[in-house]
C-alpha atoms as a PDB file:
ATOM      1  CA  SER A   1     -33.857  17.322 -32.216  1.00  0.00           C
ATOM      2  CA  SER A   2     -35.735  15.514 -29.470  1.00  0.00           C
ATOM      3  CA  GLY A   3     -34.548  17.831 -26.691  1.00  0.00           C
ATOM      4  CA  ILE A   4     -32.513  15.121 -24.956  1.00  0.00           C
ATOM      5  CA  ASN A   5     -29.178  16.328 -23.656  1.00  0.00           C
ATOM      6  CA  ALA A   6     -26.535  13.681 -24.477  1.00  0.00           C
ATOM      7  CA  GLU A   7     -24.306  14.900 -21.649  1.00  0.00           C
ATOM      8  CA  TRP A   8     -26.934  14.313 -18.944  1.00  0.00           C
ATOM      9  CA  PRO A   9     -26.355  13.093 -16.224  1.00  0.00           C
ATOM     10  CA  LEU A  10     -23.174  15.006 -15.688  1.00  0.00           C
ATOM     11  CA  ARG A  11     -20.139  13.541 -13.989  1.00  0.00           C
ATOM     12  CA  PRO A  12     -19.037  14.994 -10.660  1.00  0.00           C
ATOM     13  CA  GLY A  13     -16.099  17.368 -10.763  1.00  0.00           C
ATOM     14  CA  LYS A  14     -13.456  17.472  -8.016  1.00  0.00           C
ATOM     15  CA  PHE A  15     -11.294  20.420  -7.119  1.00  0.00           C
ATOM     16  CA  VAL A  16      -8.611  19.547  -4.548  1.00  0.00           C
ATOM     17  CA  ASP A  17      -5.882  21.703  -3.044  1.00  0.00           C
ATOM     18  CA  GLY A  18      -3.519  20.845  -0.204  1.00  0.00           C
ATOM     19  CA  LEU A  19      -3.567  18.034   2.365  1.00  0.00           C
ATOM     20  CA  MET A  20      -6.788  16.362   3.526  1.00  0.00           C
ATOM     21  CA  ILE A  21      -7.045  13.522   6.032  1.00  0.00           C
ATOM     22  CA  HIS A  22      -9.778  10.978   5.332  1.00  0.00           C
ATOM     23  CA  THR A  23      -9.961   8.448   8.179  1.00  0.00           C
ATOM     24  CA  GLY A  24      -9.980   7.996  11.926  1.00  0.00           C
ATOM     25  CA  GLU A  25     -10.556  10.237  14.894  1.00  0.00           C
ATOM     26  CA  PRO A  26      -8.470  13.127  13.480  1.00  0.00           C
ATOM     27  CA  LYS A  27     -10.964  13.388  10.598  1.00  0.00           C
ATOM     28  CA  ARG A  28     -13.788  13.994  13.079  1.00  0.00           C
ATOM     29  CA  GLN A  29     -11.768  16.708  14.836  1.00  0.00           C
ATOM     30  CA  TYR A  30      -9.992  18.409  11.924  1.00  0.00           C
ATOM     31  CA  VAL A  31     -12.358  18.219   8.916  1.00  0.00           C
ATOM     32  CA  ASP A  32     -15.400  20.494   8.651  1.00  0.00           C
ATOM     33  CA  THR A  33     -17.905  19.358   6.017  1.00  0.00           C
ATOM     34  CA  ALA A  34     -20.860  21.182   4.416  1.00  0.00           C
ATOM     35  CA  VAL A  35     -23.360  19.941   1.786  1.00  0.00           C
ATOM     36  CA  ARG A  36     -25.813  22.129  -0.138  1.00  0.00           C
ATOM     37  CA  HIS A  37     -28.270  21.330  -2.944  1.00  0.00           C
ATOM     38  CA  VAL A  38     -29.279  23.943  -5.524  1.00  0.00           C
ATOM     39  CA  LEU A  39     -32.468  23.477  -7.520  1.00  0.00           C
ATOM     40  CA  LEU A  40     -32.013  24.522 -11.154  1.00  0.00           C
ATOM     41  CA  ARG A  41     -34.291  24.253 -14.196  1.00  0.00           C
ATOM     42  CA  GLN A  42     -32.235  21.362 -15.545  1.00  0.00           C
ATOM     43  CA  GLY A  43     -32.081  19.478 -12.250  1.00  0.00           C
ATOM     44  CA  VAL A  44     -30.405  19.490  -8.877  1.00  0.00           C
ATOM     45  CA  LEU A  45     -26.829  20.648  -8.391  1.00  0.00           C
ATOM     46  CA  GLY A  46     -25.138  19.320  -5.251  1.00  0.00           C
ATOM     47  CA  ILE A  47     -22.081  20.940  -3.693  1.00  0.00           C
ATOM     48  CA  LYS A  48     -19.968  19.292  -0.995  1.00  0.00           C
ATOM     49  CA  VAL A  49     -17.143  21.234   0.665  1.00  0.00           C
ATOM     50  CA  LYS A  50     -14.549  19.865   3.093  1.00  0.00           C
ATOM     51  CA  ILE A  51     -12.196  22.200   4.946  1.00  0.00           C
ATOM     52  CA  MET A  52      -9.337  20.955   7.119  1.00  0.00           C
ATOM     53  CA  LEU A  53      -8.977  23.137  10.222  1.00  0.00           C
ATOM     54  CA  PRO A  54      -5.529  24.176  11.486  1.00  0.00           C
ATOM     55  CA  HIS A  55      -4.121  22.990  14.825  1.00  0.00           C
ATOM     56  CA  ASP A  56      -4.785  25.596  17.532  1.00  0.00           C
ATOM     57  CA  PRO A  57      -3.260  25.051  21.029  1.00  0.00           C
ATOM     58  CA  GLN A  58      -5.919  27.378  22.550  1.00  0.00           C
ATOM     59  CA  GLY A  59      -8.778  25.566  20.770  1.00  0.00           C
ATOM     60  CA  LYS A  60     -10.439  28.711  19.364  1.00  0.00           C
ATOM     61  CA  VAL A  61      -9.950  28.258  15.604  1.00  0.00           C
ATOM     62  CA  GLY A  62      -9.170  24.529  15.419  1.00  0.00           C
ATOM     63  CA  PRO A  63      -8.709  21.442  17.585  1.00  0.00           C
ATOM     64  CA  LYS A  64      -6.371  21.507  20.594  1.00  0.00           C
ATOM     65  CA  GLN A  65      -4.945  18.036  20.004  1.00  0.00           C
ATOM     66  CA  PRO A  66      -2.130  17.845  17.434  1.00  0.00           C
ATOM     67  CA  LEU A  67      -2.284  15.347  14.602  1.00  0.00           C
ATOM     68  CA  PRO A  68      -1.051  11.899  15.704  1.00  0.00           C
ATOM     69  CA  ASP A  69       1.669  11.814  13.052  1.00  0.00           C
ATOM     70  CA  HIS A  70       3.157  15.118  14.273  1.00  0.00           C
ATOM     71  CA  VAL A  71       6.789  14.675  15.316  1.00  0.00           C
ATOM     72  CA  ALA A  72       8.380  17.177  17.708  1.00  0.00           C
ATOM     73  CA  ILE A  73      12.190  17.234  17.770  1.00  0.00           C
ATOM     74  CA  VAL A  74      13.571  18.132  21.179  1.00  0.00           C
ATOM     75  CA  GLU A  75      17.153  19.327  21.586  1.00  0.00           C
ATOM     76  CA  PRO A  76      19.238  17.153  23.928  1.00  0.00           C
ATOM     77  CA  LYS A  77      20.091  18.478  27.372  1.00  0.00           C
ATOM     78  CA  GLU A  78      23.616  19.501  28.192  1.00  0.00           C
ATOM     79  CA  ALA A  79      25.200  16.921  30.501  1.00  0.00           C
ATOM     80  CA  ASP A  80      26.880  18.491  33.548  1.00  0.00           C
ATOM     81  CA  SER A  81      29.046  15.499  34.384  1.00  0.00           C
ATOM     82  CA  LYS A  82      30.973  14.193  31.415  1.00  0.00           C
ATOM     83  CA  ILE A  83      32.796  10.885  31.614  1.00  0.00           C
ATOM     84  CA  GLU A  84      36.488  11.444  30.896  1.00  0.00           C
ATOM     85  CA  THR A  85      37.504   7.802  30.530  1.00  0.00           C
ATOM     86  CA  PRO A  86      35.076   5.031  29.643  1.00  0.00           C
ATOM     87  CA  TYR A  87      35.098   2.085  32.016  1.00  0.00           C
ATOM     88  CA  SER A  88      33.228  -1.149  32.636  1.00  0.00           C
ATOM     89  CA  THR A  89      32.750  -3.360  35.661  1.00  0.00           C
ATOM     90  CA  CYS A  90      32.703  -7.142  35.684  1.00  0.00           C
ATOM     91  CA  VAL A  91      30.249  -8.624  38.144  1.00  0.00           C
ATOM     92  CA  GLU A  92      30.451 -12.370  38.831  1.00  0.00           C
ATOM     93  CA  LYS A  93      27.487 -14.173  40.303  1.00  0.00           C
ATOM     94  CA  ALA A  94      28.352 -15.816  43.612  1.00  0.00           C
ATOM     95  CA  GLY A  95      27.792 -19.568  43.803  1.00  0.00           C
ATOM     96  CA  ALA A  96      27.101 -20.047  40.082  1.00  0.00           C
ATOM     97  CA  PRO A  97      27.633 -23.759  39.261  1.00  0.00           C
ATOM     98  CA  ASP A  98      30.003 -24.703  36.516  1.00  0.00           C
ATOM     99  CA  ALA A  99      28.413 -25.849  33.298  1.00  0.00           C
ATOM    100  CA  ALA A 100      27.546 -29.530  33.629  1.00  0.00           C
ATOM    101  CA  PRO A 101      28.467 -31.769  30.712  1.00  0.00           C
ATOM    102  CA  SER A 102      25.531 -32.825  28.588  1.00  0.00           C
ATOM    103  CA  PRO A 103      24.618 -36.523  28.725  1.00  0.00           C
ATOM    104  CA  ALA A 104      25.615 -38.648  25.731  1.00  0.00           C
ATOM    105  CA  VAL A 105      22.826 -39.885  23.489  1.00  0.00           C
ATOM    106  CA  VAL A 106      22.915 -43.599  22.738  1.00  0.00           C
ATOM    107  CA  MET A 107      21.170 -44.970  19.683  1.00  0.00           C
END
């Protein structure tokens, strides 16, 4: 054998769990990234880790701003005055001219 490893260079392996945002301003605020290189006899092993921080209203553990796609559902207020009978009002404009007839087109 010539000592050449047929599997070299190795392909990168990915291990993913959960939700990770990849673009925009929220990525800068929510994603913490670390890269380390380990020197081995056979070569260099690189490790890249991305951790998505949780939303923290106090701003101690994570960003204060919520994600832009967050939807908050608010309960409707109780109306004090309820309309018993529906009604409508007709308002006519004063001095509105009647519709003029359109001129005839001669060919």
